Amino acid sequence: VQIPELTDEKSKARKAGYKNICEIGKERISRAGKQ
């Protein structure tokens, strides 16, 4: 469970296209699972 907290506009995550932490979490699970 994760609240969709917005990433900082100046952060590496936002620059990489992740608007909130949930987008990071889902992408990590997907990549880690495949790896």
Full PDB file with SEQRES, HELIX, SHEET, SSBOND, CRYST1, ORIGX, SCALE, CONECT and MASTER records, all heavy atoms in Angstrom:
SEQRES   1 A   35  VAL GLN ILE PRO GLU LEU THR ASP GLU LYS SER LYS ALA          
SEQRES   2 A   35  ARG LYS ALA GLY TYR LYS ASN ILE CYS GLU ILE GLY LYS          
SEQRES   3 A   35  GLU ARG ILE SER ARG ALA GLY LYS GLN                          
HELIX    1 AA1 LYS A   12  LYS A   15  1                                   4    
HELIX    2 AA2 ILE A   21  LYS A   34  1                                  14    
CRYST1    1.000    1.000    1.000  90.00  90.00  90.00 P 1           1          
ORIGX1      1.000000  0.000000  0.000000        0.00000                         
ORIGX2      0.000000  1.000000  0.000000        0.00000                         
ORIGX3      0.000000  0.000000  1.000000        0.00000                         
SCALE1      1.000000  0.000000  0.000000        0.00000                         
SCALE2      0.000000  1.000000  0.000000        0.00000                         
SCALE3      0.000000  0.000000  1.000000        0.00000                         
ATOM      1  N   VAL A   1       0.857  -1.181   0.000  1.00  0.00           N  
ATOM      2  CA  VAL A   1       0.000   0.000   0.000  1.00  0.00           C  
ATOM      3  C   VAL A   1       0.894   1.232   0.000  1.00  0.00           C  
ATOM      4  O   VAL A   1       1.831   1.326   0.793  1.00  0.00           O  
ATOM      5  CB  VAL A   1      -0.926   0.037   1.232  1.00  0.00           C  
ATOM      6  CG1 VAL A   1      -1.899   1.205   1.120  1.00  0.00           C  
ATOM      7  CG2 VAL A   1      -1.682  -1.282   1.403  1.00  0.00           C  
ATOM      8  N   GLN A   2       0.600   2.171  -0.886  1.00  0.00           N  
ATOM      9  CA  GLN A   2       1.406   3.389  -0.964  1.00  0.00           C  
ATOM     10  C   GLN A   2       0.536   4.551  -1.417  1.00  0.00           C  
ATOM     11  O   GLN A   2      -0.206   4.440  -2.390  1.00  0.00           O  
ATOM     12  CB  GLN A   2       2.580   3.216  -1.937  1.00  0.00           C  
ATOM     13  CG  GLN A   2       3.418   4.461  -2.156  1.00  0.00           C  
ATOM     14  CD  GLN A   2       4.056   4.987  -0.887  1.00  0.00           C  
ATOM     15  OE1 GLN A   2       4.604   4.211  -0.087  1.00  0.00           O  
ATOM     16  NE2 GLN A   2       3.990   6.285  -0.671  1.00  0.00           N  
ATOM     17  N   ILE A   3       0.620   5.652  -0.704  1.00  0.00           N  
ATOM     18  CA  ILE A   3      -0.087   6.860  -1.123  1.00  0.00           C  
ATOM     19  C   ILE A   3       0.654   7.466  -2.311  1.00  0.00           C  
ATOM     20  O   ILE A   3       1.888   7.469  -2.348  1.00  0.00           O  
ATOM     21  CB  ILE A   3      -0.180   7.857   0.050  1.00  0.00           C  
ATOM     22  CG1 ILE A   3      -1.236   8.916  -0.236  1.00  0.00           C  
ATOM     23  CG2 ILE A   3       1.157   8.469   0.384  1.00  0.00           C  
ATOM     24  CD1 ILE A   3      -1.612   9.721   0.995  1.00  0.00           C  
ATOM     25  N   PRO A   4      -0.059   7.964  -3.327  1.00  0.00           N  
ATOM     26  CA  PRO A   4       0.614   8.515  -4.517  1.00  0.00           C  
ATOM     27  C   PRO A   4       1.207   9.886  -4.261  1.00  0.00           C  
ATOM     28  O   PRO A   4       0.784  10.893  -4.822  1.00  0.00           O  
ATOM     29  CB  PRO A   4      -0.509   8.556  -5.563  1.00  0.00           C  
ATOM     30  CG  PRO A   4      -1.761   8.643  -4.778  1.00  0.00           C  
ATOM     31  CD  PRO A   4      -1.529   7.879  -3.512  1.00  0.00           C  
ATOM     32  N   GLU A   5       2.208   9.923  -3.399  1.00  0.00           N  
ATOM     33  CA  GLU A   5       2.900  11.167  -3.060  1.00  0.00           C  
ATOM     34  C   GLU A   5       3.653  11.682  -4.279  1.00  0.00           C  
ATOM     35  O   GLU A   5       4.381  10.937  -4.941  1.00  0.00           O  
ATOM     36  CB  GLU A   5       3.867  10.915  -1.903  1.00  0.00           C  
ATOM     37  CG  GLU A   5       4.680  12.122  -1.507  1.00  0.00           C  
ATOM     38  CD  GLU A   5       5.754  11.771  -0.489  1.00  0.00           C  
ATOM     39  OE1 GLU A   5       5.754  10.633   0.007  1.00  0.00           O  
ATOM     40  OE2 GLU A   5       6.598  12.639  -0.201  1.00  0.00           O  
ATOM     41  N   LEU A   6       3.476  12.950  -4.565  1.00  0.00           N  
ATOM     42  CA  LEU A   6       4.127  13.540  -5.729  1.00  0.00           C  
ATOM     43  C   LEU A   6       5.640  13.606  -5.537  1.00  0.00           C  
ATOM     44  O   LEU A   6       6.121  13.900  -4.441  1.00  0.00           O  
ATOM     45  CB  LEU A   6       3.584  14.951  -5.983  1.00  0.00           C  
ATOM     46  CG  LEU A   6       2.090  15.060  -6.305  1.00  0.00           C  
ATOM     47  CD1 LEU A   6       1.688  16.518  -6.422  1.00  0.00           C  
ATOM     48  CD2 LEU A   6       1.756  14.306  -7.583  1.00  0.00           C  
ATOM     49  N   THR A   7       6.365  13.322  -6.589  1.00  0.00           N  
ATOM     50  CA  THR A   7       7.822  13.465  -6.537  1.00  0.00           C  
ATOM     51  C   THR A   7       8.192  14.944  -6.692  1.00  0.00           C  
ATOM     52  O   THR A   7       7.448  15.726  -7.287  1.00  0.00           O  
ATOM     53  CB  THR A   7       8.499  12.657  -7.657  1.00  0.00           C  
ATOM     54  OG1 THR A   7       7.949  13.065  -8.924  1.00  0.00           O  
ATOM     55  CG2 THR A   7       8.260  11.172  -7.469  1.00  0.00           C  
ATOM     56  N   ASP A   8       9.322  15.298  -6.147  1.00  0.00           N  
ATOM     57  CA  ASP A   8       9.789  16.678  -6.247  1.00  0.00           C  
ATOM     58  C   ASP A   8      10.078  17.018  -7.716  1.00  0.00           C  
ATOM     59  O   ASP A   8      10.647  16.213  -8.453  1.00  0.00           O  
ATOM     60  CB  ASP A   8      11.062  16.858  -5.419  1.00  0.00           C  
ATOM     61  CG  ASP A   8      11.464  18.323  -5.312  1.00  0.00           C  
ATOM     62  OD1 ASP A   8      11.995  18.860  -6.305  1.00  0.00           O  
ATOM     63  OD2 ASP A   8      11.231  18.911  -4.243  1.00  0.00           O  
ATOM     64  N   GLU A   9       9.668  18.216  -8.119  1.00  0.00           N  
ATOM     65  CA  GLU A   9       9.824  18.612  -9.516  1.00  0.00           C  
ATOM     66  C   GLU A   9      11.280  18.637  -9.967  1.00  0.00           C  
ATOM     67  O   GLU A   9      11.572  18.490 -11.150  1.00  0.00           O  
ATOM     68  CB  GLU A   9       9.185  19.989  -9.738  1.00  0.00           C  
ATOM     69  CG  GLU A   9       7.665  19.973  -9.593  1.00  0.00           C  
ATOM     70  CD  GLU A   9       7.052  21.326  -9.901  1.00  0.00           C  
ATOM     71  OE1 GLU A   9       7.826  22.279 -10.167  1.00  0.00           O  
ATOM     72  OE2 GLU A   9       5.817  21.427  -9.868  1.00  0.00           O  
ATOM     73  N   LYS A  10      12.197  18.847  -9.018  1.00  0.00           N  
ATOM     74  CA  LYS A  10      13.610  18.916  -9.370  1.00  0.00           C  
ATOM     75  C   LYS A  10      14.339  17.590  -9.171  1.00  0.00           C  
ATOM     76  O   LYS A  10      15.540  17.498  -9.399  1.00  0.00           O  
ATOM     77  CB  LYS A  10      14.295  19.991  -8.525  1.00  0.00           C  
ATOM     78  CG  LYS A  10      13.746  21.389  -8.755  1.00  0.00           C  
ATOM     79  CD  LYS A  10      14.450  22.404  -7.872  1.00  0.00           C  
ATOM     80  CE  LYS A  10      13.885  23.813  -8.087  1.00  0.00           C  
ATOM     81  NZ  LYS A  10      14.555  24.810  -7.217  1.00  0.00           N  
ATOM     82  N   SER A  11      13.623  16.563  -8.744  1.00  0.00           N  
ATOM     83  CA  SER A  11      14.256  15.282  -8.427  1.00  0.00           C  
ATOM     84  C   SER A  11      14.588  14.479  -9.683  1.00  0.00           C  
ATOM     85  O   SER A  11      14.053  14.719 -10.770  1.00  0.00           O  
ATOM     86  CB  SER A  11      13.330  14.448  -7.532  1.00  0.00           C  
ATOM     87  OG  SER A  11      12.152  14.082  -8.235  1.00  0.00           O  
ATOM     88  N   LYS A  12      15.488  13.513  -9.503  1.00  0.00           N  
ATOM     89  CA  LYS A  12      15.829  12.608 -10.606  1.00  0.00           C  
ATOM     90  C   LYS A  12      14.614  11.798 -11.042  1.00  0.00           C  
ATOM     91  O   LYS A  12      14.455  11.496 -12.224  1.00  0.00           O  
ATOM     92  CB  LYS A  12      16.955  11.668 -10.169  1.00  0.00           C  
ATOM     93  CG  LYS A  12      18.289  12.345  -9.921  1.00  0.00           C  
ATOM     94  CD  LYS A  12      19.340  11.321  -9.499  1.00  0.00           C  
ATOM     95  CE  LYS A  12      20.681  11.991  -9.230  1.00  0.00           C  
ATOM     96  NZ  LYS A  12      21.708  11.001  -8.791  1.00  0.00           N  
ATOM     97  N   ALA A  13      13.764  11.456 -10.071  1.00  0.00           N  
ATOM     98  CA  ALA A  13      12.573  10.662 -10.389  1.00  0.00           C  
ATOM     99  C   ALA A  13      11.647  11.423 -11.328  1.00  0.00           C  
ATOM    100  O   ALA A  13      11.140  10.865 -12.311  1.00  0.00           O  
ATOM    101  CB  ALA A  13      11.845  10.291  -9.098  1.00  0.00           C  
ATOM    102  N   ARG A  14      11.398  12.708 -11.027  1.00  0.00           N  
ATOM    103  CA  ARG A  14      10.516  13.501 -11.898  1.00  0.00           C  
ATOM    104  C   ARG A  14      11.133  13.678 -13.281  1.00  0.00           C  
ATOM    105  O   ARG A  14      10.428  13.592 -14.309  1.00  0.00           O  
ATOM    106  CB  ARG A  14      10.242  14.855 -11.243  1.00  0.00           C  
ATOM    107  CG  ARG A  14       9.332  15.761 -12.070  1.00  0.00           C  
ATOM    108  CD  ARG A  14       7.928  15.165 -12.255  1.00  0.00           C  
ATOM    109  NE  ARG A  14       7.206  15.145 -11.005  1.00  0.00           N  
ATOM    110  CZ  ARG A  14       6.441  16.142 -10.560  1.00  0.00           C  
ATOM    111  NH1 ARG A  14       6.325  17.249 -11.276  1.00  0.00           N  
ATOM    112  NH2 ARG A  14       5.798  16.029  -9.419  1.00  0.00           N  
ATOM    113  N   LYS A  15      12.440  13.907 -13.311  1.00  0.00           N  
ATOM    114  CA  LYS A  15      13.116  14.064 -14.598  1.00  0.00           C  
ATOM    115  C   LYS A  15      13.074  12.773 -15.414  1.00  0.00           C  
ATOM    116  O   LYS A  15      13.118  12.806 -16.642  1.00  0.00           O  
ATOM    117  CB  LYS A  15      14.558  14.496 -14.377  1.00  0.00           C  
ATOM    118  CG  LYS A  15      14.678  15.916 -13.804  1.00  0.00           C  
ATOM    119  CD  LYS A  15      16.124  16.284 -13.514  1.00  0.00           C  
ATOM    120  CE  LYS A  15      16.212  17.691 -12.929  1.00  0.00           C  
ATOM    121  NZ  LYS A  15      17.608  18.071 -12.584  1.00  0.00           N  
ATOM    122  N   ALA A  16      12.987  11.641 -14.692  1.00  0.00           N  
ATOM    123  CA  ALA A  16      12.905  10.347 -15.382  1.00  0.00           C  
ATOM    124  C   ALA A  16      11.474  10.007 -15.791  1.00  0.00           C  
ATOM    125  O   ALA A  16      11.234   8.961 -16.399  1.00  0.00           O  
ATOM    126  CB  ALA A  16      13.462   9.251 -14.489  1.00  0.00           C  
ATOM    127  N   GLY A  17      10.527  10.879 -15.423  1.00  0.00           N  
ATOM    128  CA  GLY A  17       9.146  10.674 -15.855  1.00  0.00           C  
ATOM    129  C   GLY A  17       8.200  10.132 -14.800  1.00  0.00           C  
ATOM    130  O   GLY A  17       7.040   9.856 -15.093  1.00  0.00           O  
ATOM    131  N   TYR A  18       8.675   9.980 -13.567  1.00  0.00           N  
ATOM    132  CA  TYR A  18       7.823   9.455 -12.497  1.00  0.00           C  
ATOM    133  C   TYR A  18       7.161  10.605 -11.745  1.00  0.00           C  
ATOM    134  O   TYR A  18       7.819  11.368 -11.046  1.00  0.00           O  
ATOM    135  CB  TYR A  18       8.640   8.605 -11.521  1.00  0.00           C  
ATOM    136  CG  TYR A  18       9.310   7.413 -12.165  1.00  0.00           C  
ATOM    137  CD1 TYR A  18      10.674   7.433 -12.465  1.00  0.00           C  
ATOM    138  CD2 TYR A  18       8.577   6.275 -12.479  1.00  0.00           C  
ATOM    139  CE1 TYR A  18      11.295   6.346 -13.055  1.00  0.00           C  
ATOM    140  CE2 TYR A  18       9.189   5.183 -13.073  1.00  0.00           C  
ATOM    141  CZ  TYR A  18      10.548   5.223 -13.360  1.00  0.00           C  
ATOM    142  OH  TYR A  18      11.154   4.147 -13.948  1.00  0.00           O  
ATOM    143  N   LYS A  19       5.851  10.716 -11.866  1.00  0.00           N  
ATOM    144  CA  LYS A  19       5.126  11.817 -11.237  1.00  0.00           C  
ATOM    145  C   LYS A  19       4.908  11.588  -9.741  1.00  0.00           C  
ATOM    146  O   LYS A  19       4.803  12.533  -8.979  1.00  0.00           O  
ATOM    147  CB  LYS A  19       3.778  12.020 -11.928  1.00  0.00           C  
ATOM    148  CG  LYS A  19       3.901  12.476 -13.374  1.00  0.00           C  
ATOM    149  CD  LYS A  19       2.527  12.658 -13.999  1.00  0.00           C  
ATOM    150  CE  LYS A  19       2.650  13.108 -15.452  1.00  0.00           C  
ATOM    151  NZ  LYS A  19       1.318  13.268 -16.090  1.00  0.00           N  
ATOM    152  N   ASN A  20       4.789  10.312  -9.350  1.00  0.00           N  
ATOM    153  CA  ASN A  20       4.574  10.022  -7.929  1.00  0.00           C  
ATOM    154  C   ASN A  20       5.271   8.722  -7.549  1.00  0.00           C  
ATOM    155  O   ASN A  20       5.763   7.982  -8.402  1.00  0.00           O  
ATOM    156  CB  ASN A  20       3.083   9.971  -7.584  1.00  0.00           C  
ATOM    157  CG  ASN A  20       2.334   8.902  -8.372  1.00  0.00           C  
ATOM    158  OD1 ASN A  20       2.665   7.719  -8.309  1.00  0.00           O  
ATOM    159  ND2 ASN A  20       1.308   9.307  -9.115  1.00  0.00           N  
ATOM    160  N   ILE A  21       5.290   8.446  -6.252  1.00  0.00           N  
ATOM    161  CA  ILE A  21       6.026   7.285  -5.745  1.00  0.00           C  
ATOM    162  C   ILE A  21       5.404   5.976  -6.214  1.00  0.00           C  
ATOM    163  O   ILE A  21       6.116   4.983  -6.416  1.00  0.00           O  
ATOM    164  CB  ILE A  21       6.097   7.344  -4.207  1.00  0.00           C  
ATOM    165  CG1 ILE A  21       6.967   8.518  -3.779  1.00  0.00           C  
ATOM    166  CG2 ILE A  21       6.676   6.058  -3.634  1.00  0.00           C  
ATOM    167  CD1 ILE A  21       7.101   8.680  -2.288  1.00  0.00           C  
ATOM    168  N   CYS A  22       4.091   5.954  -6.395  1.00  0.00           N  
ATOM    169  CA  CYS A  22       3.449   4.720  -6.864  1.00  0.00           C  
ATOM    170  C   CYS A  22       3.968   4.305  -8.241  1.00  0.00           C  
ATOM    171  O   CYS A  22       4.137   3.112  -8.506  1.00  0.00           O  
ATOM    172  CB  CYS A  22       1.930   4.901  -6.902  1.00  0.00           C  
ATOM    173  SG  CYS A  22       1.165   4.998  -5.274  1.00  0.00           S  
ATOM    174  N   GLU A  23       4.199   5.271  -9.091  1.00  0.00           N  
ATOM    175  CA  GLU A  23       4.736   4.948 -10.419  1.00  0.00           C  
ATOM    176  C   GLU A  23       6.122   4.321 -10.293  1.00  0.00           C  
ATOM    177  O   GLU A  23       6.464   3.401 -11.042  1.00  0.00           O  
ATOM    178  CB  GLU A  23       4.796   6.211 -11.279  1.00  0.00           C  
ATOM    179  CG  GLU A  23       3.420   6.762 -11.649  1.00  0.00           C  
ATOM    180  CD  GLU A  23       3.507   7.992 -12.530  1.00  0.00           C  
ATOM    181  OE1 GLU A  23       4.642   8.410 -12.858  1.00  0.00           O  
ATOM    182  OE2 GLU A  23       2.449   8.533 -12.885  1.00  0.00           O  
ATOM    183  N   ILE A  24       6.905   4.806  -9.329  1.00  0.00           N  
ATOM    184  CA  ILE A  24       8.236   4.227  -9.093  1.00  0.00           C  
ATOM    185  C   ILE A  24       8.103   2.797  -8.590  1.00  0.00           C  
ATOM    186  O   ILE A  24       8.794   1.889  -9.060  1.00  0.00           O  
ATOM    187  CB  ILE A  24       9.015   5.083  -8.068  1.00  0.00           C  
ATOM    188  CG1 ILE A  24       9.309   6.469  -8.639  1.00  0.00           C  
ATOM    189  CG2 ILE A  24      10.311   4.387  -7.663  1.00  0.00           C  
ATOM    190  CD1 ILE A  24       9.947   7.415  -7.644  1.00  0.00           C  
ATOM    191  N   GLY A  25       7.206   2.589  -7.604  1.00  0.00           N  
ATOM    192  CA  GLY A  25       7.035   1.259  -7.020  1.00  0.00           C  
ATOM    193  C   GLY A  25       6.593   0.229  -8.037  1.00  0.00           C  
ATOM    194  O   GLY A  25       7.140  -0.879  -8.101  1.00  0.00           O  
ATOM    195  N   LYS A  26       5.601   0.574  -8.856  1.00  0.00           N  
ATOM    196  CA  LYS A  26       5.087  -0.375  -9.853  1.00  0.00           C  
ATOM    197  C   LYS A  26       6.155  -0.718 -10.890  1.00  0.00           C  
ATOM    198  O   LYS A  26       6.292  -1.879 -11.293  1.00  0.00           O  
ATOM    199  CB  LYS A  26       3.841   0.209 -10.524  1.00  0.00           C  
ATOM    200  CG  LYS A  26       2.625   0.244  -9.618  1.00  0.00           C  
ATOM    201  CD  LYS A  26       1.399   0.813 -10.309  1.00  0.00           C  
ATOM    202  CE  LYS A  26       1.547   2.295 -10.572  1.00  0.00           C  
ATOM    203  NZ  LYS A  26       0.282   2.885 -11.110  1.00  0.00           N  
ATOM    204  N   GLU A  27       6.914   0.294 -11.296  1.00  0.00           N  
ATOM    205  CA  GLU A  27       7.964   0.044 -12.289  1.00  0.00           C  
ATOM    206  C   GLU A  27       9.066  -0.826 -11.701  1.00  0.00           C  
ATOM    207  O   GLU A  27       9.605  -1.705 -12.382  1.00  0.00           O  
ATOM    208  CB  GLU A  27       8.535   1.368 -12.783  1.00  0.00           C  
ATOM    209  CG  GLU A  27       9.569   1.237 -13.890  1.00  0.00           C  
ATOM    210  CD  GLU A  27       9.024   0.639 -15.176  1.00  0.00           C  
ATOM    211  OE1 GLU A  27       7.789   0.696 -15.381  1.00  0.00           O  
ATOM    212  OE2 GLU A  27       9.814   0.099 -15.965  1.00  0.00           O  
ATOM    213  N   ARG A  28       9.382  -0.599 -10.433  1.00  0.00           N  
ATOM    214  CA  ARG A  28      10.420  -1.419  -9.809  1.00  0.00           C  
ATOM    215  C   ARG A  28       9.989  -2.884  -9.752  1.00  0.00           C  
ATOM    216  O   ARG A  28      10.780  -3.785 -10.050  1.00  0.00           O  
ATOM    217  CB  ARG A  28      10.720  -0.929  -8.401  1.00  0.00           C  
ATOM    218  CG  ARG A  28      11.744  -1.852  -7.718  1.00  0.00           C  
ATOM    219  CD  ARG A  28      12.018  -1.492  -6.295  1.00  0.00           C  
ATOM    220  NE  ARG A  28      13.044  -2.362  -5.728  1.00  0.00           N  
ATOM    221  CZ  ARG A  28      13.642  -2.154  -4.575  1.00  0.00           C  
ATOM    222  NH1 ARG A  28      13.309  -1.113  -3.831  1.00  0.00           N  
ATOM    223  NH2 ARG A  28      14.560  -2.990  -4.142  1.00  0.00           N  
ATOM    224  N   ILE A  29       8.761  -3.143  -9.323  1.00  0.00           N  
ATOM    225  CA  ILE A  29       8.293  -4.533  -9.240  1.00  0.00           C  
ATOM    226  C   ILE A  29       8.359  -5.190 -10.606  1.00  0.00           C  
ATOM    227  O   ILE A  29       8.799  -6.341 -10.748  1.00  0.00           O  
ATOM    228  CB  ILE A  29       6.854  -4.605  -8.695  1.00  0.00           C  
ATOM    229  CG1 ILE A  29       6.765  -3.951  -7.318  1.00  0.00           C  
ATOM    230  CG2 ILE A  29       6.398  -6.062  -8.587  1.00  0.00           C  
ATOM    231  CD1 ILE A  29       5.339  -3.805  -6.809  1.00  0.00           C  
ATOM    232  N   SER A  30       7.928  -4.464 -11.620  1.00  0.00           N  
ATOM    233  CA  SER A  30       7.928  -5.004 -12.979  1.00  0.00           C  
ATOM    234  C   SER A  30       9.343  -5.339 -13.443  1.00  0.00           C  
ATOM    235  O   SER A  30       9.608  -6.437 -13.950  1.00  0.00           O  
ATOM    236  CB  SER A  30       7.271  -4.001 -13.927  1.00  0.00           C  
ATOM    237  OG  SER A  30       7.256  -4.488 -15.241  1.00  0.00           O  
ATOM    238  N   ARG A  31      10.273  -4.399 -13.255  1.00  0.00           N  
ATOM    239  CA  ARG A  31      11.655  -4.630 -13.703  1.00  0.00           C  
ATOM    240  C   ARG A  31      12.337  -5.718 -12.874  1.00  0.00           C  
ATOM    241  O   ARG A  31      13.041  -6.569 -13.422  1.00  0.00           O  
ATOM    242  CB  ARG A  31      12.452  -3.324 -13.608  1.00  0.00           C  
ATOM    243  CG  ARG A  31      12.014  -2.252 -14.573  1.00  0.00           C  
ATOM    244  CD  ARG A  31      12.942  -1.042 -14.518  1.00  0.00           C  
ATOM    245  NE  ARG A  31      12.456   0.055 -15.341  1.00  0.00           N  
ATOM    246  CZ  ARG A  31      13.097   1.201 -15.532  1.00  0.00           C  
ATOM    247  NH1 ARG A  31      14.285   1.380 -14.949  1.00  0.00           N  
ATOM    248  NH2 ARG A  31      12.590   2.152 -16.289  1.00  0.00           N  
ATOM    249  N   ALA A  32      12.139  -5.644 -11.558  1.00  0.00           N  
ATOM    250  CA  ALA A  32      12.772  -6.634 -10.687  1.00  0.00           C  
ATOM    251  C   ALA A  32      12.257  -8.032 -10.999  1.00  0.00           C  
ATOM    252  O   ALA A  32      13.022  -9.002 -11.028  1.00  0.00           O  
ATOM    253  CB  ALA A  32      12.517  -6.286  -9.223  1.00  0.00           C  
ATOM    254  N   GLY A  33      10.943  -8.152 -11.221  1.00  0.00           N  
ATOM    255  CA  GLY A  33      10.360  -9.455 -11.529  1.00  0.00           C  
ATOM    256  C   GLY A  33      10.952 -10.063 -12.789  1.00  0.00           C  
ATOM    257  O   GLY A  33      11.307 -11.248 -12.819  1.00  0.00           O  
ATOM    258  N   LYS A  34      11.079  -9.246 -13.816  1.00  0.00           N  
ATOM    259  CA  LYS A  34      11.653  -9.735 -15.082  1.00  0.00           C  
ATOM    260  C   LYS A  34      13.115 -10.129 -14.897  1.00  0.00           C  
ATOM    261  O   LYS A  34      13.563 -11.148 -15.431  1.00  0.00           O  
ATOM    262  CB  LYS A  34      11.529  -8.656 -16.157  1.00  0.00           C  
ATOM    263  CG  LYS A  34      10.103  -8.384 -16.599  1.00  0.00           C  
ATOM    264  CD  LYS A  34      10.044  -7.246 -17.603  1.00  0.00           C  
ATOM    265  CE  LYS A  34       8.602  -6.941 -18.017  1.00  0.00           C  
ATOM    266  NZ  LYS A  34       8.533  -5.780 -18.944  1.00  0.00           N  
ATOM    267  N   GLN A  35      13.855  -9.301 -14.142  1.00  0.00           N  
ATOM    268  CA  GLN A  35      15.266  -9.599 -13.916  1.00  0.00           C  
ATOM    269  C   GLN A  35      15.435 -10.902 -13.136  1.00  0.00           C  
ATOM    270  O   GLN A  35      16.287 -11.738 -13.477  1.00  0.00           O  
ATOM    271  CB  GLN A  35      15.918  -8.442 -13.155  1.00  0.00           C  
ATOM    272  CG  GLN A  35      17.417  -8.602 -12.952  1.00  0.00           C  
ATOM    273  CD  GLN A  35      17.993  -7.499 -12.088  1.00  0.00           C  
ATOM    274  OE1 GLN A  35      17.829  -7.497 -10.877  1.00  0.00           O  
ATOM    275  NE2 GLN A  35      18.667  -6.540 -12.718  1.00  0.00           N  
TER     276      GLN A  35                                                      
MASTER        0    0    0    2    0    0    0    6  275    1    0    3          
END                                                                             
